[in-house]
């Protein structure tokens, strides 16, 4: 009977240890996910900014061409 109590106590300690390890793993997974989401967001925003700048430059070129045509006319 004493052996069973020791085994039960050992199992409880192991389970408690596994719970703590699982909590740490979940915290790590959450942090990794948050970091990746932030990185993806930054890439998307950079790309949007780049596309907006390209569109603005294209608009300026068109206005410049229109201005040159008006002067030529």
PDB file of N, CA and C in Angstrom:
ATOM      1  N   UNK A   1       0.815  -1.187   0.000  1.00  0.00           N
ATOM      2  CA  UNK A   1       0.000   0.000   0.000  1.00  0.00           C
ATOM      3  C   UNK A   1       0.864   1.258   0.000  1.00  0.00           C
ATOM      4  N   UNK A   2       1.968   1.235   0.691  1.00  0.00           N
ATOM      5  CA  UNK A   2       2.861   2.395   0.725  1.00  0.00           C
ATOM      6  C   UNK A   2       3.428   2.662  -0.661  1.00  0.00           C
ATOM      7  N   UNK A   3       3.691   1.590  -1.412  1.00  0.00           N
ATOM      8  CA  UNK A   3       4.214   1.736  -2.766  1.00  0.00           C
ATOM      9  C   UNK A   3       3.195   2.416  -3.657  1.00  0.00           C
ATOM     10  N   UNK A   4       1.924   2.076  -3.493  1.00  0.00           N
ATOM     11  CA  UNK A   4       0.870   2.704  -4.288  1.00  0.00           C
ATOM     12  C   UNK A   4       0.766   4.192  -3.987  1.00  0.00           C
ATOM     13  N   UNK A   5       0.914   4.557  -2.686  1.00  0.00           N
ATOM     14  CA  UNK A   5       0.850   5.965  -2.313  1.00  0.00           C
ATOM     15  C   UNK A   5       2.028   6.733  -2.911  1.00  0.00           C
ATOM     16  N   UNK A   6       3.207   6.109  -2.899  1.00  0.00           N
ATOM     17  CA  UNK A   6       4.387   6.739  -3.480  1.00  0.00           C
ATOM     18  C   UNK A   6       4.186   6.916  -4.979  1.00  0.00           C
ATOM     19  N   UNK A   7       3.667   5.875  -5.636  1.00  0.00           N
ATOM     20  CA  UNK A   7       3.415   5.963  -7.077  1.00  0.00           C
ATOM     21  C   UNK A   7       2.370   7.037  -7.389  1.00  0.00           C
ATOM     22  N   UNK A   8       1.338   7.118  -6.536  1.00  0.00           N
ATOM     23  CA  UNK A   8       0.294   8.120  -6.743  1.00  0.00           C
ATOM     24  C   UNK A   8       0.870   9.527  -6.562  1.00  0.00           C
ATOM     25  N   UNK A   9       1.674   9.705  -5.528  1.00  0.00           N
ATOM     26  CA  UNK A   9       2.317  11.003  -5.310  1.00  0.00           C
ATOM     27  C   UNK A   9       3.245  11.351  -6.475  1.00  0.00           C
ATOM     28  N   UNK A  10       3.971  10.379  -6.949  1.00  0.00           N
ATOM     29  CA  UNK A  10       4.870  10.587  -8.082  1.00  0.00           C
ATOM     30  C   UNK A  10       4.084  10.974  -9.332  1.00  0.00           C
ATOM     31  N   UNK A  11       2.963  10.299  -9.556  1.00  0.00           N
ATOM     32  CA  UNK A  11       2.119  10.617 -10.708  1.00  0.00           C
ATOM     33  C   UNK A  11       1.553  12.031 -10.602  1.00  0.00           C
ATOM     34  N   UNK A  12       1.134  12.431  -9.397  1.00  0.00           N
ATOM     35  CA  UNK A  12       0.610  13.783  -9.204  1.00  0.00           C
ATOM     36  C   UNK A  12       1.685  14.823  -9.519  1.00  0.00           C
ATOM     37  N   UNK A  13       2.892  14.579  -9.048  1.00  0.00           N
ATOM     38  CA  UNK A  13       3.992  15.505  -9.317  1.00  0.00           C
ATOM     39  C   UNK A  13       4.286  15.572 -10.816  1.00  0.00           C
ATOM     40  N   UNK A  14       4.281  14.417 -11.452  1.00  0.00           N
ATOM     41  CA  UNK A  14       4.524  14.380 -12.903  1.00  0.00           C
ATOM     42  C   UNK A  14       3.441  15.141 -13.667  1.00  0.00           C
ATOM     43  N   UNK A  15       2.196  14.961 -13.250  1.00  0.00           N
ATOM     44  CA  UNK A  15       1.088  15.651 -13.912  1.00  0.00           C
ATOM     45  C   UNK A  15       1.205  17.159 -13.706  1.00  0.00           C
ATOM     46  N   UNK A  16       1.538  17.563 -12.478  1.00  0.00           N
ATOM     47  CA  UNK A  16       1.725  18.990 -12.213  1.00  0.00           C
ATOM     48  C   UNK A  16       2.864  19.558 -13.066  1.00  0.00           C
ATOM     49  N   UNK A  17       3.925  18.801 -13.195  1.00  0.00           N
ATOM     50  CA  UNK A  17       5.057  19.229 -14.022  1.00  0.00           C
ATOM     51  C   UNK A  17       4.645  19.339 -15.492  1.00  0.00           C
ATOM     52  N   UNK A  18       3.882  18.374 -15.972  1.00  0.00           N
ATOM     53  CA  UNK A  18       3.396  18.402 -17.350  1.00  0.00           C
ATOM     54  C   UNK A  18       2.476  19.602 -17.586  1.00  0.00           C
ATOM     55  N   UNK A  19       1.638  19.911 -16.605  1.00  0.00           N
ATOM     56  CA  UNK A  19       0.755  21.078 -16.731  1.00  0.00           C
ATOM     57  C   UNK A  19       1.577  22.357 -16.872  1.00  0.00           C
ATOM     58  N   UNK A  20       2.596  22.481 -16.025  1.00  0.00           N
ATOM     59  CA  UNK A  20       3.448  23.672 -16.083  1.00  0.00           C
ATOM     60  C   UNK A  20       4.167  23.752 -17.424  1.00  0.00           C
ATOM     61  N   UNK A  21       4.684  22.614 -17.891  1.00  0.00           N
ATOM     62  CA  UNK A  21       5.365  22.581 -19.192  1.00  0.00           C
ATOM     63  C   UNK A  21       4.401  22.946 -20.311  1.00  0.00           C
ATOM     64  N   UNK A  22       3.189  22.440 -20.240  1.00  0.00           N
ATOM     65  CA  UNK A  22       2.189  22.717 -21.262  1.00  0.00           C
ATOM     66  C   UNK A  22       1.845  24.212 -21.294  1.00  0.00           C
ATOM     67  N   UNK A  23       1.726  24.820 -20.104  1.00  0.00           N
ATOM     68  CA  UNK A  23       1.447  26.260 -20.045  1.00  0.00           C
ATOM     69  C   UNK A  23       2.571  27.049 -20.699  1.00  0.00           C
ATOM     70  N   UNK A  24       3.808  26.672 -20.451  1.00  0.00           N
ATOM     71  CA  UNK A  24       4.955  27.358 -21.050  1.00  0.00           C
ATOM     72  C   UNK A  24       4.978  27.185 -22.567  1.00  0.00           C
ATOM     73  N   UNK A  25       4.646  25.988 -23.021  1.00  0.00           N
ATOM     74  CA  UNK A  25       4.605  25.723 -24.467  1.00  0.00           C
ATOM     75  C   UNK A  25       3.521  26.575 -25.118  1.00  0.00           C
ATOM     76  N   UNK A  26       2.355  26.644 -24.497  1.00  0.00           N
ATOM     77  CA  UNK A  26       1.260  27.444 -25.047  1.00  0.00           C
ATOM     78  C   UNK A  26       1.636  28.927 -25.075  1.00  0.00           C
ATOM     79  N   UNK A  27       2.324  29.390 -24.036  1.00  0.00           N
ATOM     80  CA  UNK A  27       2.763  30.784 -23.997  1.00  0.00           C
ATOM     81  C   UNK A  27       3.758  31.053 -25.132  1.00  0.00           C
ATOM     82  N   UNK A  28       4.662  30.112 -25.363  1.00  0.00           N
ATOM     83  CA  UNK A  28       5.636  30.264 -26.448  1.00  0.00           C
ATOM     84  C   UNK A  28       4.954  30.280 -27.806  1.00  0.00           C
ATOM     85  N   UNK A  29       4.004  29.392 -28.003  1.00  0.00           N
ATOM     86  CA  UNK A  29       3.266  29.340 -29.269  1.00  0.00           C
ATOM     87  C   UNK A  29       2.517  30.651 -29.489  1.00  0.00           C
ATOM     88  N   UNK A  30       1.903  31.171 -28.438  1.00  0.00           N
ATOM     89  CA  UNK A  30       1.176  32.440 -28.543  1.00  0.00           C
ATOM     90  C   UNK A  30       2.130  33.564 -28.928  1.00  0.00           C
ATOM     91  N   UNK A  31       3.291  33.617 -28.291  1.00  0.00           N
ATOM     92  CA  UNK A  31       4.266  34.672 -28.600  1.00  0.00           C
ATOM     93  C   UNK A  31       4.782  34.566 -30.027  1.00  0.00           C
ATOM     94  N   UNK A  32       5.065  33.350 -30.472  1.00  0.00           N
ATOM     95  CA  UNK A  32       5.541  33.146 -31.840  1.00  0.00           C
ATOM     96  C   UNK A  32       4.462  33.587 -32.830  1.00  0.00           C
ATOM     97  N   UNK A  33       3.218  33.208 -32.560  1.00  0.00           N
ATOM     98  CA  UNK A  33       2.114  33.605 -33.432  1.00  0.00           C
ATOM     99  C   UNK A  33       1.959  35.114 -33.493  1.00  0.00           C
ATOM    100  N   UNK A  34       2.087  35.772 -32.339  1.00  0.00           N
ATOM    101  CA  UNK A  34       1.963  37.231 -32.299  1.00  0.00           C
ATOM    102  C   UNK A  34       3.097  37.888 -33.076  1.00  0.00           C
ATOM    103  N   UNK A  35       4.313  37.367 -32.934  1.00  0.00           N
ATOM    104  CA  UNK A  35       5.455  37.919 -33.667  1.00  0.00           C
ATOM    105  C   UNK A  35       5.278  37.760 -35.171  1.00  0.00           C
ATOM    106  N   UNK A  36       4.820  36.595 -35.584  1.00  0.00           N
ATOM    107  CA  UNK A  36       4.611  36.366 -37.024  1.00  0.00           C
ATOM    108  C   UNK A  36       3.492  37.239 -37.568  1.00  0.00           C
ATOM    109  N   UNK A  37       2.436  37.412 -36.800  1.00  0.00           N
ATOM    110  CA  UNK A  37       1.334  38.269 -37.239  1.00  0.00           C
ATOM    111  C   UNK A  37       1.813  39.710 -37.377  1.00  0.00           C
ATOM    112  N   UNK A  38       2.618  40.168 -36.430  1.00  0.00           N
ATOM    113  CA  UNK A  38       3.149  41.529 -36.489  1.00  0.00           C
ATOM    114  C   UNK A  38       4.045  41.704 -37.709  1.00  0.00           C
ATOM    115  N   UNK A  39       4.870  40.706 -37.967  1.00  0.00           N
ATOM    116  CA  UNK A  39       5.768  40.758 -39.126  1.00  0.00           C
ATOM    117  C   UNK A  39       4.969  40.784 -40.427  1.00  0.00           C
ATOM    118  N   UNK A  40       3.943  39.959 -40.513  1.00  0.00           N
ATOM    119  CA  UNK A  40       3.105  39.929 -41.712  1.00  0.00           C
ATOM    120  C   UNK A  40       2.392  41.264 -41.899  1.00  0.00           C
ATOM    121  N   UNK A  41       1.910  41.829 -40.806  1.00  0.00           N
ATOM    122  CA  UNK A  41       1.239  43.132 -40.874  1.00  0.00           C
ATOM    123  C   UNK A  41       2.195  44.200 -41.395  1.00  0.00           C
ATOM    124  N   UNK A  42       3.424  44.192 -40.874  1.00  0.00           N
ATOM    125  CA  UNK A  42       4.418  45.170 -41.318  1.00  0.00           C
ATOM    126  C   UNK A  42       4.724  45.023 -42.806  1.00  0.00           C
ATOM    127  N   UNK A  43       4.849  43.782 -43.271  1.00  0.00           N
ATOM    128  CA  UNK A  43       5.116  43.554 -44.694  1.00  0.00           C
ATOM    129  C   UNK A  43       3.971  44.059 -45.557  1.00  0.00           C
ATOM    130  N   UNK A  44       2.749  43.804 -45.119  1.00  0.00           N
ATOM    131  CA  UNK A  44       1.581  44.246 -45.880  1.00  0.00           C
ATOM    132  C   UNK A  44       1.520  45.768 -45.918  1.00  0.00           C
ATOM    133  N   UNK A  45       1.769  46.401 -44.775  1.00  0.00           N
ATOM    134  CA  UNK A  45       1.740  47.865 -44.738  1.00  0.00           C
ATOM    135  C   UNK A  45       2.844  48.463 -45.605  1.00  0.00           C
ATOM    136  N   UNK A  46       4.030  47.848 -45.570  1.00  0.00           N
ATOM    137  CA  UNK A  46       5.115  48.323 -46.429  1.00  0.00           C
ATOM    138  C   UNK A  46       4.731  48.212 -47.895  1.00  0.00           C
ATOM    139  N   UNK A  47       4.112  47.093 -48.258  1.00  0.00           N
ATOM    140  CA  UNK A  47       3.716  46.884 -49.644  1.00  0.00           C
ATOM    141  C   UNK A  47       2.629  47.886 -50.036  1.00  0.00           C
ATOM    142  N   UNK A  48       1.687  48.126 -49.147  1.00  0.00           N
ATOM    143  CA  UNK A  48       0.640  49.106 -49.443  1.00  0.00           C
ATOM    144  C   UNK A  48       1.249  50.487 -49.624  1.00  0.00           C
ATOM    145  N   UNK A  49       2.144  50.857 -48.755  1.00  0.00           N
ATOM    146  CA  UNK A  49       2.787  52.160 -48.883  1.00  0.00           C
ATOM    147  C   UNK A  49       3.536  52.258 -50.202  1.00  0.00           C
ATOM    148  N   UNK A  50       4.212  51.188 -50.577  1.00  0.00           N
ATOM    149  CA  UNK A  50       4.953  51.163 -51.833  1.00  0.00           C
ATOM    150  C   UNK A  50       4.003  51.310 -53.016  1.00  0.00           C
ATOM    151  N   UNK A  51       2.894  50.616 -52.982  1.00  0.00           N
ATOM    152  CA  UNK A  51       1.911  50.703 -54.063  1.00  0.00           C
ATOM    153  C   UNK A  51       1.292  52.097 -54.127  1.00  0.00           C
ATOM    154  N   UNK A  52       1.041  52.698 -52.974  1.00  0.00           N
ATOM    155  CA  UNK A  52       0.477  54.049 -52.951  1.00  0.00           C
ATOM    156  C   UNK A  52       1.472  55.048 -53.543  1.00  0.00           C
ATOM    157  N   UNK A  53       2.740  54.884 -53.206  1.00  0.00           N
ATOM    158  CA  UNK A  53       3.768  55.782 -53.741  1.00  0.00           C
ATOM    159  C   UNK A  53       3.867  55.627 -55.257  1.00  0.00           C
ATOM    160  N   UNK A  54       3.852  54.395 -55.738  1.00  0.00           N
ATOM    161  CA  UNK A  54       3.910  54.147 -57.181  1.00  0.00           C
ATOM    162  C   UNK A  54       2.715  54.798 -57.883  1.00  0.00           C
ATOM    163  N   UNK A  55       1.526  54.661 -57.278  1.00  0.00           N
ATOM    164  CA  UNK A  55       0.332  55.261 -57.881  1.00  0.00           C
ATOM    165  C   UNK A  55       0.470  56.783 -57.913  1.00  0.00           C
ATOM    166  N   UNK A  56       0.950  57.369 -56.846  1.00  0.00           N
ATOM    167  CA  UNK A  56       1.142  58.818 -56.787  1.00  0.00           C
ATOM    168  C   UNK A  56       2.129  59.285 -57.857  1.00  0.00           C
ATOM    169  N   UNK A  57       3.225  58.545 -58.024  1.00  0.00           N
ATOM    170  CA  UNK A  57       4.229  58.887 -59.049  1.00  0.00           C
ATOM    171  C   UNK A  57       3.619  58.778 -60.442  1.00  0.00           C
ATOM    172  N   UNK A  58       2.847  57.729 -60.684  1.00  0.00           N
ATOM    173  CA  UNK A  58       2.185  57.570 -61.985  1.00  0.00           C
ATOM    174  C   UNK A  58       1.213  58.727 -62.252  1.00  0.00           C
ATOM    175  N   UNK A  59       0.474  59.128 -61.214  1.00  0.00           N
ATOM    176  CA  UNK A  59      -0.453  60.263 -61.368  1.00  0.00           C
ATOM    177  C   UNK A  59       0.307  61.544 -61.707  1.00  0.00           C
ATOM    178  N   UNK A  60       1.446  61.756 -61.030  1.00  0.00           N
ATOM    179  CA  UNK A  60       2.252  62.946 -61.323  1.00  0.00           C
ATOM    180  C   UNK A  60       2.794  62.929 -62.750  1.00  0.00           C
ATOM    181  N   UNK A  61       3.201  61.756 -63.219  1.00  0.00           N
ATOM    182  CA  UNK A  61       3.697  61.639 -64.598  1.00  0.00           C
ATOM    183  C   UNK A  61       2.603  62.016 -65.596  1.00  0.00           C
ATOM    184  N   UNK A  62       1.403  61.502 -65.355  1.00  0.00           N
ATOM    185  CA  UNK A  62       0.289  61.812 -66.251  1.00  0.00           C
ATOM    186  C   UNK A  62      -0.008  63.306 -66.252  1.00  0.00           C
ATOM    187  N   UNK A  63      -0.004  63.911 -65.073  1.00  0.00           N
ATOM    188  CA  UNK A  63      -0.258  65.354 -64.990  1.00  0.00           C
ATOM    189  C   UNK A  63       0.854  66.130 -65.696  1.00  0.00           C
ATOM    190  N   UNK A  64       2.084  65.645 -65.541  1.00  0.00           N
ATOM    191  CA  UNK A  64       3.204  66.294 -66.228  1.00  0.00           C
ATOM    192  C   UNK A  64       3.066  66.200 -67.730  1.00  0.00           C
ATOM    193  N   UNK A  65       2.690  65.026 -68.228  1.00  0.00           N
ATOM    194  CA  UNK A  65       2.492  64.853 -69.679  1.00  0.00           C
ATOM    195  C   UNK A  65       1.359  65.751 -70.168  1.00  0.00           C
ATOM    196  N   UNK A  66       0.282  65.807 -69.391  1.00  0.00           N
ATOM    197  CA  UNK A  66      -0.843  66.673 -69.768  1.00  0.00           C
ATOM    198  C   UNK A  66      -0.416  68.131 -69.799  1.00  0.00           C
ATOM    199  N   UNK A  67       0.402  68.522 -68.829  1.00  0.00           N
ATOM    200  CA  UNK A  67       0.896  69.896 -68.787  1.00  0.00           C
ATOM    201  C   UNK A  67       1.765  70.225 -69.979  1.00  0.00           C
ATOM    202  N   UNK A  68       2.635  69.296 -70.355  1.00  0.00           N
ATOM    203  CA  UNK A  68       3.517  69.502 -71.530  1.00  0.00           C
ATOM    204  C   UNK A  68       2.685  69.603 -72.805  1.00  0.00           C
ATOM    205  N   UNK A  69       1.675  68.757 -72.940  1.00  0.00           N
ATOM    206  CA  UNK A  69       0.796  68.800 -74.105  1.00  0.00           C
ATOM    207  C   UNK A  69       0.048  70.123 -74.194  1.00  0.00           C
ATOM    208  N   UNK A  70      -0.382  70.619 -73.024  1.00  0.00           N
ATOM    209  CA  UNK A  70      -1.094  71.903 -73.003  1.00  0.00           C
ATOM    210  C   UNK A  70      -0.187  73.034 -73.428  1.00  0.00           C
ATOM    211  N   UNK A  71       1.067  73.012 -72.988  1.00  0.00           N
ATOM    212  CA  UNK A  71       2.013  74.046 -73.370  1.00  0.00           C
ATOM    213  C   UNK A  71       2.312  73.952 -74.857  1.00  0.00           C
ATOM    214  N   UNK A  72       2.468  72.768 -75.390  1.00  0.00           N
ATOM    215  CA  UNK A  72       2.744  72.569 -76.800  1.00  0.00           C
ATOM    216  C   UNK A  72       1.590  73.056 -77.672  1.00  0.00           C
ATOM    217  N   UNK A  73       0.369  72.846 -77.190  1.00  0.00           N
ATOM    218  CA  UNK A  73      -0.824  73.270 -77.955  1.00  0.00           C
ATOM    219  C   UNK A  73      -0.860  74.773 -77.985  1.00  0.00           C
TER     220      UNK A  73
END
